[in-house]
Amino acid sequence: MMRQGDATGPSAVEAGPARPAARAPGRRSARVALLDDHELLLDSMTAWMREHAPDLDVVLTATTWLELVHSPLFPTDLVLLDVQLREPVSLEARVRTCRAAGAKVVVLTGLDTPDLKERALRAGAAAFVPKARPLADLVAVVREVMGLAEGRPLPREWRPLPAAAEAPQRPRLSLGEESALRLYASGLSTAAVAASMHVQFETAKTYLRRVREKYARVDRPASRKAELIQRAREDGYLQ
């Protein structure tokens, strides 16, 4: 969770609507959307930014991806996007959708790992900020991204990847794993898959477990049978 407060702000948001600080005449501003599935964090960040960062106009908050993209206020100039949403939409898909719509993206995360950072930046995020950092630091990053920081160069514009380059990553399956996937996705039970492949039940079960794990590693959910069937259809295993 983002830490609040610095030398200029309180450590907690008081009850009631925040009173925006006066905006300097002629100063540019950016329309901001916040996406996080923790409502308390959304309310806290919104109140703090309205009090201490009047040039960042929070016009939209959402707790789900669909709530964000279906809002009439989307796209905004910037989306502050949480990594860990309890939804089957990949980080890359979220970032690229926002960028294709014309919004810059700053990714917030409680899991500050090199792999996540690389994925976010490669997808087109302008910055990757750990939630452990104070909100004042986040605002400084956002201002730089949006070209609002005085004396800082405007960020280099990012362009979405061509549609062909945005195809989901396909995991590499062994022959046994591919055969098990085809049979299972066609409607057979695990026991029937084993019988069709002339292998033990536990072997077929292991094949399917490995398939699910490989899809999970490329951020394509396949834990449920319906999801696994969808992945098989997307990758051409079902005719």
Protein backbone atom coordinates (compact mmCIF):
# COMPACT_ATOMS: atom_id res chain seq x y z
CA MET A 1 0.00 0.00 0.00
CA MET A 2 1.34 3.45 -0.89
CA ARG A 3 2.65 5.29 2.16
CA GLN A 4 1.06 8.68 2.69
CA GLY A 5 2.52 11.89 3.87
CA ASP A 6 5.78 13.76 3.62
CA ALA A 7 7.04 17.02 4.98
CA THR A 8 4.04 18.77 3.43
CA GLY A 9 1.18 16.39 4.02
CA PRO A 10 -0.66 14.44 6.73
CA SER A 11 -0.18 10.74 7.36
CA ALA A 12 -3.89 9.99 7.07
CA VAL A 13 -6.83 11.40 5.15
CA GLU A 14 -9.39 13.18 7.27
CA ALA A 15 -13.08 12.36 6.95
CA GLY A 16 -15.07 14.34 4.42
CA PRO A 17 -14.13 15.62 0.96
CA ALA A 18 -10.61 16.88 0.50
CA ARG A 19 -10.25 20.59 -0.27
CA PRO A 20 -8.05 21.01 -3.37
CA ALA A 21 -5.04 23.25 -3.02
CA ALA A 22 -4.98 26.36 -5.16
CA ARG A 23 -3.67 25.77 -8.67
CA ALA A 24 -1.08 28.16 -9.99
CA PRO A 25 -2.50 30.36 -12.78
CA GLY A 26 -1.78 28.91 -16.22
CA ARG A 27 -0.30 25.69 -14.87
CA ARG A 28 -1.00 22.61 -16.94
CA SER A 29 -2.83 19.63 -15.49
CA ALA A 30 -3.47 15.99 -16.35
CA ARG A 31 -6.65 13.93 -16.04
CA VAL A 32 -5.87 10.83 -13.98
CA ALA A 33 -7.59 7.46 -13.49
CA LEU A 34 -6.78 5.11 -10.61
CA LEU A 35 -7.27 1.34 -10.94
CA ASP A 36 -6.88 -0.76 -7.79
CA ASP A 37 -9.10 -3.42 -6.23
CA HIS A 38 -8.64 -1.98 -2.73
CA GLU A 39 -11.25 0.77 -2.26
CA LEU A 40 -9.54 2.14 0.85
CA LEU A 41 -6.35 2.74 -1.13
CA LEU A 42 -8.30 4.39 -3.94
CA ASP A 43 -10.06 6.76 -1.55
CA SER A 44 -6.85 7.53 0.31
CA MET A 45 -4.81 8.26 -2.84
CA THR A 46 -7.59 10.35 -4.35
CA ALA A 47 -7.96 12.51 -1.25
CA TRP A 48 -4.20 12.97 -0.88
CA MET A 49 -3.67 13.93 -4.53
CA ARG A 50 -6.55 16.39 -4.51
CA GLU A 51 -5.05 18.04 -1.46
CA HIS A 52 -1.40 18.08 -2.51
CA ALA A 53 -1.29 17.68 -6.30
CA PRO A 54 -3.98 19.91 -7.87
CA ASP A 55 -2.28 19.59 -11.26
CA LEU A 56 -3.22 15.88 -11.24
CA ASP A 57 -6.99 15.81 -11.61
CA VAL A 58 -8.34 12.44 -10.44
CA VAL A 59 -11.50 12.09 -12.53
CA LEU A 60 -11.96 8.32 -12.42
CA THR A 61 -11.40 5.56 -9.87
CA ALA A 62 -12.17 1.89 -10.54
CA THR A 63 -11.80 -1.38 -8.67
CA THR A 64 -12.06 -3.60 -11.76
CA TRP A 65 -10.62 -3.50 -15.27
CA LEU A 66 -14.05 -3.52 -16.93
CA GLU A 67 -15.23 -0.69 -14.69
CA LEU A 68 -12.27 1.38 -15.89
CA VAL A 69 -12.49 0.78 -19.64
CA HIS A 70 -16.32 0.98 -19.76
CA SER A 71 -16.41 4.33 -17.98
CA PRO A 72 -17.43 7.28 -20.17
CA LEU A 73 -14.48 9.13 -18.63
CA PHE A 74 -11.98 6.66 -20.15
CA PRO A 75 -9.45 7.24 -21.59
CA THR A 76 -7.83 9.75 -19.29
CA ASP A 77 -4.41 11.33 -19.83
CA LEU A 78 -2.86 8.89 -17.37
CA VAL A 79 -3.83 5.62 -15.69
CA LEU A 80 -2.26 4.58 -12.39
CA LEU A 81 -2.63 0.83 -12.65
CA ASP A 82 -2.19 -1.81 -9.94
CA VAL A 83 -0.40 -5.02 -10.97
CA GLN A 84 -2.26 -7.44 -8.72
CA LEU A 85 -5.89 -7.40 -9.80
CA ARG A 86 -8.04 -10.45 -9.14
CA GLU A 87 -8.98 -10.63 -12.82
CA PRO A 88 -7.83 -12.82 -15.75
CA VAL A 89 -6.62 -9.87 -17.83
CA SER A 90 -2.84 -9.85 -18.17
CA LEU A 91 -0.67 -6.91 -17.19
CA GLU A 92 0.48 -6.55 -20.80
CA ALA A 93 -3.09 -6.46 -22.12
CA ARG A 94 -4.09 -3.79 -19.61
CA VAL A 95 -1.11 -1.56 -20.35
CA ARG A 96 -1.41 -1.89 -24.13
CA THR A 97 -5.14 -1.23 -24.10
CA CYS A 98 -4.63 1.98 -22.15
CA ARG A 99 -1.81 3.06 -24.44
CA ALA A 100 -3.77 2.27 -27.59
CA ALA A 101 -6.61 4.42 -26.21
CA GLY A 102 -4.19 7.32 -25.74
CA ALA A 103 -3.51 7.13 -21.99
CA LYS A 104 -0.04 6.94 -20.49
CA VAL A 105 0.40 4.30 -17.79
CA VAL A 106 2.26 4.21 -14.50
CA VAL A 107 2.21 0.76 -12.91
CA LEU A 108 1.94 0.42 -9.12
CA THR A 109 2.99 -2.78 -7.41
CA GLY A 110 3.43 -4.42 -4.07
CA LEU A 111 5.68 -6.99 -5.79
CA ASP A 112 8.78 -5.10 -6.88
CA THR A 113 10.51 -7.75 -8.99
CA PRO A 114 12.74 -7.29 -12.06
CA ASP A 115 10.50 -9.60 -14.09
CA LEU A 116 7.33 -7.60 -13.41
CA LYS A 117 9.11 -4.34 -14.11
CA GLU A 118 10.46 -5.64 -17.41
CA ARG A 119 7.01 -6.87 -18.45
CA ALA A 120 5.37 -3.55 -17.59
CA LEU A 121 7.93 -1.41 -19.41
CA ARG A 122 8.05 -3.67 -22.47
CA ALA A 123 4.27 -3.44 -22.74
CA GLY A 124 4.51 0.36 -22.82
CA ALA A 125 4.23 1.57 -19.22
CA ALA A 126 6.04 4.85 -18.66
CA ALA A 127 7.11 3.98 -15.12
CA PHE A 128 7.00 1.23 -12.51
CA VAL A 129 6.56 2.41 -8.89
CA PRO A 130 6.57 0.21 -5.75
CA LYS A 131 3.67 0.89 -3.40
CA ALA A 132 6.12 1.14 -0.50
CA ARG A 133 7.27 4.54 -1.77
CA PRO A 134 5.60 7.70 -0.39
CA LEU A 135 2.81 9.27 -2.41
CA ALA A 136 4.97 12.36 -2.86
CA ASP A 137 7.47 10.23 -4.78
CA LEU A 138 4.70 8.79 -6.94
CA VAL A 139 3.43 12.28 -7.75
CA ALA A 140 6.94 13.35 -8.76
CA VAL A 141 7.16 10.38 -11.14
CA VAL A 142 3.73 11.12 -12.61
CA ARG A 143 4.59 14.78 -13.16
CA GLU A 144 7.74 13.80 -15.00
CA VAL A 145 5.88 11.27 -17.14
CA MET A 146 3.23 13.85 -18.05
CA GLY A 147 5.74 16.63 -18.69
CA LEU A 148 4.45 18.67 -15.75
CA ALA A 149 7.75 18.74 -13.83
CA GLU A 150 9.46 22.07 -14.25
CA GLY A 151 12.81 21.93 -15.97
CA ARG A 152 12.33 18.29 -17.07
CA PRO A 153 12.23 17.17 -20.71
CA LEU A 154 8.99 15.78 -22.07
CA PRO A 155 8.97 11.96 -22.09
CA ARG A 156 9.54 10.16 -25.40
CA GLU A 157 6.19 9.18 -26.88
CA TRP A 158 5.41 5.47 -26.98
CA ARG A 159 3.49 3.87 -29.82
CA PRO A 160 1.44 0.66 -29.47
CA LEU A 161 2.88 -2.47 -31.02
CA PRO A 162 1.41 -3.61 -34.34
CA ALA A 163 -1.55 -5.94 -33.91
CA ALA A 164 0.49 -8.91 -35.12
CA ALA A 165 3.06 -8.29 -32.39
CA GLU A 166 0.44 -8.35 -29.67
CA ALA A 167 -0.50 -12.00 -30.10
CA PRO A 168 -0.46 -13.85 -26.76
CA GLN A 169 2.67 -15.82 -25.99
CA ARG A 170 2.25 -19.52 -26.71
CA PRO A 171 3.94 -21.89 -24.25
CA ARG A 172 6.08 -24.70 -25.61
CA LEU A 173 4.41 -28.03 -24.86
CA SER A 174 5.88 -31.50 -25.10
CA LEU A 175 4.17 -34.04 -27.37
CA GLY A 176 2.55 -35.71 -24.38
CA GLU A 177 1.34 -32.40 -22.94
CA GLU A 178 -0.06 -31.31 -26.32
CA SER A 179 -1.89 -34.62 -26.81
CA ALA A 180 -3.37 -34.45 -23.32
CA LEU A 181 -4.48 -30.86 -23.90
CA ARG A 182 -6.16 -31.67 -27.22
CA LEU A 183 -8.07 -34.60 -25.71
CA TYR A 184 -9.03 -32.84 -22.48
CA ALA A 185 -10.12 -29.66 -24.29
CA SER A 186 -12.24 -31.78 -26.66
CA GLY A 187 -14.40 -32.75 -23.69
CA LEU A 188 -12.78 -35.89 -22.29
CA SER A 189 -12.25 -36.41 -18.56
CA THR A 190 -8.75 -36.91 -17.20
CA ALA A 191 -9.43 -40.65 -16.93
CA ALA A 192 -10.60 -40.76 -20.55
CA VAL A 193 -7.49 -38.81 -21.61
CA ALA A 194 -5.32 -41.41 -19.90
CA ALA A 195 -7.19 -44.25 -21.61
CA SER A 196 -6.92 -42.61 -25.03
CA MET A 197 -3.19 -42.02 -24.58
CA HIS A 198 -2.63 -45.53 -23.11
CA VAL A 199 -0.97 -44.05 -20.02
CA GLN A 200 -1.65 -44.17 -16.30
CA PHE A 201 -4.19 -41.76 -14.80
CA GLU A 202 -1.46 -40.00 -12.81
CA THR A 203 0.60 -39.52 -15.98
CA ALA A 204 -2.30 -37.83 -17.78
CA LYS A 205 -2.96 -35.73 -14.69
CA THR A 206 0.71 -34.66 -14.64
CA TYR A 207 0.59 -33.70 -18.33
CA LEU A 208 -2.41 -31.46 -17.73
CA ARG A 209 -0.87 -29.94 -14.60
CA ARG A 210 2.26 -29.04 -16.56
CA VAL A 211 0.16 -27.48 -19.32
CA ARG A 212 -1.61 -25.28 -16.77
CA GLU A 213 1.70 -24.28 -15.20
CA LYS A 214 3.20 -23.35 -18.57
CA TYR A 215 0.23 -21.16 -19.44
CA ALA A 216 0.40 -19.52 -16.03
CA ARG A 217 4.06 -18.64 -16.63
CA VAL A 218 3.09 -16.63 -19.71
CA ASP A 219 0.29 -14.92 -17.78
CA ARG A 220 -2.57 -16.73 -19.55
CA PRO A 221 -4.96 -18.22 -16.95
CA ALA A 222 -5.73 -21.93 -17.39
CA SER A 223 -6.54 -23.17 -13.89
CA ARG A 224 -10.17 -23.95 -14.72
CA LYS A 225 -11.27 -26.33 -17.48
CA ALA A 226 -13.13 -23.57 -19.33
CA GLU A 227 -9.98 -21.44 -19.32
CA LEU A 228 -7.86 -24.34 -20.56
CA ILE A 229 -10.31 -24.99 -23.40
CA GLN A 230 -10.15 -21.31 -24.34
CA ARG A 231 -6.34 -21.39 -24.38
CA ALA A 232 -6.41 -24.52 -26.57
CA ARG A 233 -8.82 -22.82 -28.97
CA GLU A 234 -6.70 -19.65 -29.12
CA ASP A 235 -3.54 -21.63 -29.91
CA GLY A 236 -5.08 -23.84 -32.56
CA TYR A 237 -5.22 -27.11 -30.67
CA LEU A 238 -8.94 -27.43 -31.37
CA GLN A 239 -10.15 -27.59 -34.95
